[in-house]
N, C-alpha and C. Protein backbone atom coordinates (compact mmCIF):
# COMPACT_ATOMS: atom_id res chain seq x y z
N UNK A 1 -81.33 26.64 42.68
CA UNK A 1 -81.48 25.43 43.91
C UNK A 1 -82.28 24.65 43.63
N UNK A 2 -82.22 23.97 43.63
CA UNK A 2 -83.26 22.57 43.66
C UNK A 2 -84.19 22.56 44.64
N UNK A 3 -85.02 21.55 44.40
CA UNK A 3 -86.50 22.52 44.68
C UNK A 3 -86.24 20.83 45.55
N UNK A 4 -87.59 21.46 46.89
CA UNK A 4 -87.02 20.01 47.73
C UNK A 4 -88.52 19.08 47.43
N UNK A 5 -87.78 18.01 47.57
CA UNK A 5 -88.66 16.66 46.78
C UNK A 5 -89.87 16.17 47.50
N UNK A 6 -90.41 17.08 49.03
CA UNK A 6 -91.37 16.67 49.05
C UNK A 6 -92.07 17.54 48.53
N UNK A 7 -92.45 18.81 47.84
CA UNK A 7 -93.73 19.06 47.53
C UNK A 7 -94.08 18.41 46.36
N UNK A 8 -93.21 17.24 45.71
CA UNK A 8 -93.95 16.93 44.48
C UNK A 8 -94.43 15.66 44.59
N UNK A 9 -94.30 15.43 46.44
CA UNK A 9 -95.15 14.07 46.76
C UNK A 9 -96.46 14.58 47.25
N UNK A 10 -96.92 16.40 47.63
CA UNK A 10 -97.89 16.79 47.66
C UNK A 10 -98.67 16.60 46.64
N UNK A 11 -98.15 17.48 45.42
CA UNK A 11 -99.00 17.63 44.49
C UNK A 11 -99.14 15.88 44.01
N UNK A 12 -98.73 15.34 44.46
CA UNK A 12 -99.39 14.26 43.99
C UNK A 12 -100.45 13.30 44.12
N UNK A 13 -100.35 13.54 45.63
CA UNK A 13 -101.25 13.23 46.59
C UNK A 13 -102.91 14.35 46.46
N UNK A 14 -102.73 15.20 45.88
CA UNK A 14 -103.58 16.72 45.94
C UNK A 14 -104.21 15.68 45.04
N UNK A 15 -103.47 15.54 43.66
CA UNK A 15 -104.62 15.11 42.65
C UNK A 15 -104.44 13.62 42.62
N UNK A 16 -103.85 12.64 43.94
CA UNK A 16 -104.69 11.39 44.39
C UNK A 16 -105.94 11.37 44.72
N UNK A 17 -106.34 12.20 45.89
CA UNK A 17 -107.08 12.59 46.46
C UNK A 17 -108.51 12.83 45.36
N UNK A 18 -108.03 13.94 44.99
CA UNK A 18 -109.19 14.75 43.77
C UNK A 18 -110.21 13.52 42.92
N UNK A 19 -109.29 12.77 42.39
CA UNK A 19 -109.65 11.30 41.71
C UNK A 19 -110.04 10.38 42.48
N UNK A 20 -109.55 10.19 43.73
CA UNK A 20 -110.61 9.21 44.49
C UNK A 20 -111.54 9.74 45.02
N UNK A 21 -111.92 11.22 45.66
CA UNK A 21 -113.68 11.93 45.79
C UNK A 21 -114.33 11.52 45.01
N UNK A 22 -113.03 11.63 43.45
CA UNK A 22 -115.08 12.39 42.15
C UNK A 22 -115.01 10.55 42.09
N UNK A 23 -114.16 9.44 42.15
CA UNK A 23 -114.57 8.04 41.89
C UNK A 23 -115.83 7.70 43.68
N UNK A 24 -115.62 8.60 43.84
CA UNK A 24 -115.84 7.44 45.38
C UNK A 24 -117.48 8.93 45.48
N UNK A 25 -118.05 10.15 44.41
CA UNK A 25 -119.08 10.65 44.18
C UNK A 25 -119.74 9.87 43.00
N UNK A 26 -118.99 9.24 42.31
CA UNK A 26 -119.67 8.82 40.99
C UNK A 26 -120.37 6.96 41.21
N UNK A 27 -119.47 6.21 42.08
CA UNK A 27 -119.79 4.90 42.82
C UNK A 27 -120.70 5.40 44.47
N UNK A 28 -121.32 6.24 44.84
CA UNK A 28 -121.78 6.48 45.37
C UNK A 28 -122.80 7.50 44.75
N UNK A 29 -124.49 7.39 44.34
CA UNK A 29 -124.55 8.98 44.49
C UNK A 29 -125.40 9.22 45.57
N UNK A 30 -125.64 8.67 46.37
CA UNK A 30 -126.82 8.98 47.17
C UNK A 30 -125.67 9.68 48.23
N UNK A 31 -125.11 9.36 48.59
CA UNK A 31 -124.24 10.33 49.18
C UNK A 31 -123.89 12.09 48.70
N UNK A 32 -124.64 12.16 47.42
CA UNK A 32 -124.09 13.16 46.95
C UNK A 32 -126.13 14.41 46.51
N UNK A 33 -126.13 13.85 47.43
CA UNK A 33 -128.00 14.26 47.99
C UNK A 33 -128.24 16.25 48.24
N UNK A 34 -128.51 16.49 46.52
CA UNK A 34 -128.61 18.40 47.29
C UNK A 34 -129.17 18.65 47.57
N UNK A 35 -130.44 18.33 47.97
CA UNK A 35 -131.26 19.23 48.18
C UNK A 35 -131.98 19.99 49.88
N UNK A 36 -132.66 20.89 49.83
CA UNK A 36 -132.07 22.40 50.60
C UNK A 36 -132.98 21.52 51.37
N UNK A 37 -133.21 21.80 53.14
CA UNK A 37 -134.02 21.22 53.89
C UNK A 37 -135.13 21.90 53.71
N UNK A 38 -136.04 22.66 53.74
CA UNK A 38 -137.12 22.30 53.59
C UNK A 38 -138.21 22.10 52.40
N UNK A 39 -137.25 22.17 51.26
CA UNK A 39 -137.47 20.61 50.21
C UNK A 39 -138.03 19.26 50.41
N UNK A 40 -136.28 18.97 51.46
CA UNK A 40 -136.27 17.47 52.02
C UNK A 40 -137.27 17.04 52.97
N UNK A 41 -137.74 18.51 53.90
CA UNK A 41 -138.66 17.85 55.04
C UNK A 41 -140.76 17.73 54.62
N UNK A 42 -139.97 19.05 53.23
CA UNK A 42 -141.80 17.73 52.44
C UNK A 42 -142.21 16.99 52.05
N UNK A 43 -141.31 17.10 51.06
CA UNK A 43 -140.64 15.54 49.90
C UNK A 43 -141.00 14.10 50.67
N UNK A 44 -140.03 14.29 52.87
CA UNK A 44 -139.67 12.80 53.39
C UNK A 44 -141.23 12.96 53.73
N UNK A 45 -142.35 13.53 54.24
CA UNK A 45 -142.95 13.36 54.11
C UNK A 45 -144.30 12.71 52.62
N UNK A 46 -143.78 12.83 52.04
CA UNK A 46 -144.24 12.06 51.38
C UNK A 46 -144.21 10.40 51.72
N UNK A 47 -145.24 9.83 50.65
CA UNK A 47 -145.27 7.88 51.98
C UNK A 47 -144.38 7.70 50.10
N UNK A 48 -144.18 6.99 48.94
CA UNK A 48 -143.76 7.02 47.95
C UNK A 48 -142.09 7.03 48.22
N UNK A 49 -142.12 8.86 47.99
CA UNK A 49 -140.51 8.93 47.69
C UNK A 49 -139.61 8.77 46.72
N UNK A 50 -141.03 8.23 45.28
CA UNK A 50 -140.44 8.63 43.78
C UNK A 50 -140.24 10.40 43.44
N UNK A 51 -140.81 11.33 44.02
CA UNK A 51 -140.77 12.30 43.35
C UNK A 51 -139.73 13.09 44.43
N UNK A 52 -139.44 13.02 45.75
CA UNK A 52 -138.15 12.85 46.37
C UNK A 52 -136.83 13.43 45.18
N UNK A 53 -137.06 11.78 45.24
CA UNK A 53 -136.05 11.39 44.14
C UNK A 53 -135.86 12.10 43.07
N UNK A 54 -136.96 12.52 42.15
CA UNK A 54 -137.07 13.35 41.36
C UNK A 54 -136.33 14.48 41.23
N UNK A 55 -137.25 14.85 42.35
CA UNK A 55 -136.91 16.56 42.47
C UNK A 55 -134.83 17.16 43.22
N UNK A 56 -134.61 15.38 43.85
CA UNK A 56 -133.17 15.43 43.94
C UNK A 56 -132.56 14.99 42.74
N UNK A 57 -132.92 14.26 41.85
CA UNK A 57 -131.67 14.48 40.51
C UNK A 57 -132.02 15.59 39.74
N UNK A 58 -133.32 16.03 39.50
CA UNK A 58 -133.56 17.42 38.56
C UNK A 58 -132.21 18.71 39.84
N UNK A 59 -132.78 18.79 40.73
CA UNK A 59 -131.13 20.06 41.00
C UNK A 59 -129.58 19.50 41.31
N UNK A 60 -129.65 17.89 41.86
CA UNK A 60 -127.79 17.60 41.09
C UNK A 60 -128.11 17.71 39.35
N UNK A 61 -128.82 17.54 38.73
CA UNK A 61 -128.09 18.04 37.51
C UNK A 61 -128.19 19.97 36.69
N UNK A 62 -129.52 20.33 37.35
CA UNK A 62 -129.47 21.82 37.08
C UNK A 62 -128.10 21.63 38.04
N UNK A 63 -127.52 22.03 38.54
CA UNK A 63 -126.04 21.44 39.75
C UNK A 63 -125.14 21.82 38.71
N UNK A 64 -124.71 20.16 38.36
CA UNK A 64 -124.01 19.92 36.96
C UNK A 64 -123.98 20.56 35.96
N UNK A 65 -124.53 21.64 35.30
CA UNK A 65 -124.18 22.11 34.01
C UNK A 65 -123.45 22.65 33.87
N UNK A 66 -123.86 23.92 34.87
CA UNK A 66 -122.47 24.55 34.47
C UNK A 66 -121.33 24.61 34.76
N UNK A 67 -121.04 23.95 35.75
CA UNK A 67 -119.67 23.04 35.92
C UNK A 67 -119.38 22.32 34.43
N UNK A 68 -119.64 21.73 33.99
CA UNK A 68 -119.46 21.11 32.41
C UNK A 68 -119.88 21.83 31.70
N UNK A 69 -119.50 22.55 31.49
CA UNK A 69 -120.07 23.98 30.07
C UNK A 69 -118.33 24.78 30.75
N UNK A 70 -118.61 24.81 32.12
CA UNK A 70 -117.08 25.81 32.33
C UNK A 70 -115.91 25.45 31.48
N UNK A 71 -115.78 23.53 32.17
CA UNK A 71 -115.30 22.79 32.12
C UNK A 71 -114.04 22.40 31.03
N UNK A 72 -115.40 22.38 29.86
CA UNK A 72 -115.85 22.79 28.28
C UNK A 72 -115.19 23.91 27.84
N UNK A 73 -115.39 24.59 27.30
CA UNK A 73 -114.84 25.97 27.60
C UNK A 73 -113.58 26.70 28.03
N UNK A 74 -112.68 25.23 29.20
CA UNK A 74 -111.04 25.74 29.44
C UNK A 74 -110.78 24.84 29.33
N UNK A 75 -111.18 23.96 28.71
CA UNK A 75 -111.03 22.56 27.99
C UNK A 75 -110.00 23.39 26.16
N UNK A 76 -110.57 23.67 25.72
CA UNK A 76 -110.52 24.75 24.42
C UNK A 76 -109.55 25.41 24.43
N UNK A 77 -109.94 26.38 25.43
CA UNK A 77 -109.40 27.73 25.22
C UNK A 77 -107.50 27.47 25.68
N UNK A 78 -107.90 25.96 26.30
CA UNK A 78 -105.94 24.62 26.61
C UNK A 78 -105.89 24.16 25.87
N UNK A 79 -106.34 23.90 24.61
CA UNK A 79 -106.32 23.46 23.94
C UNK A 79 -105.77 23.95 22.84
N UNK A 80 -106.30 25.50 22.13
CA UNK A 80 -106.22 26.72 21.81
C UNK A 80 -104.49 26.88 22.06
N UNK A 81 -104.98 27.54 23.26
CA UNK A 81 -103.32 28.28 23.70
C UNK A 81 -102.07 26.60 22.97
N UNK A 82 -102.50 25.72 23.34
CA UNK A 82 -101.12 24.35 22.97
C UNK A 82 -100.75 24.70 21.52
N UNK A 83 -101.57 24.70 20.99
CA UNK A 83 -101.71 24.87 19.58
C UNK A 83 -101.07 26.09 19.34
């Protein structure tokens, strides 16, 4: 049975959306602020804002590291399975 022709386009649109989404996060890092409500309220009351920026960057790094590690493990498993 021949697959439906629109299923190919649906998969490619999904991948395209993911690529555009990731590029958007890379180009606009201010849109990916990751502070909890309490931290944000306390840190916004500070006049300079440098501490808030540092805390926000730390949260983003702590959030990203597990994803990078898991992606690396899956990449090496994928390479091992392909060879």
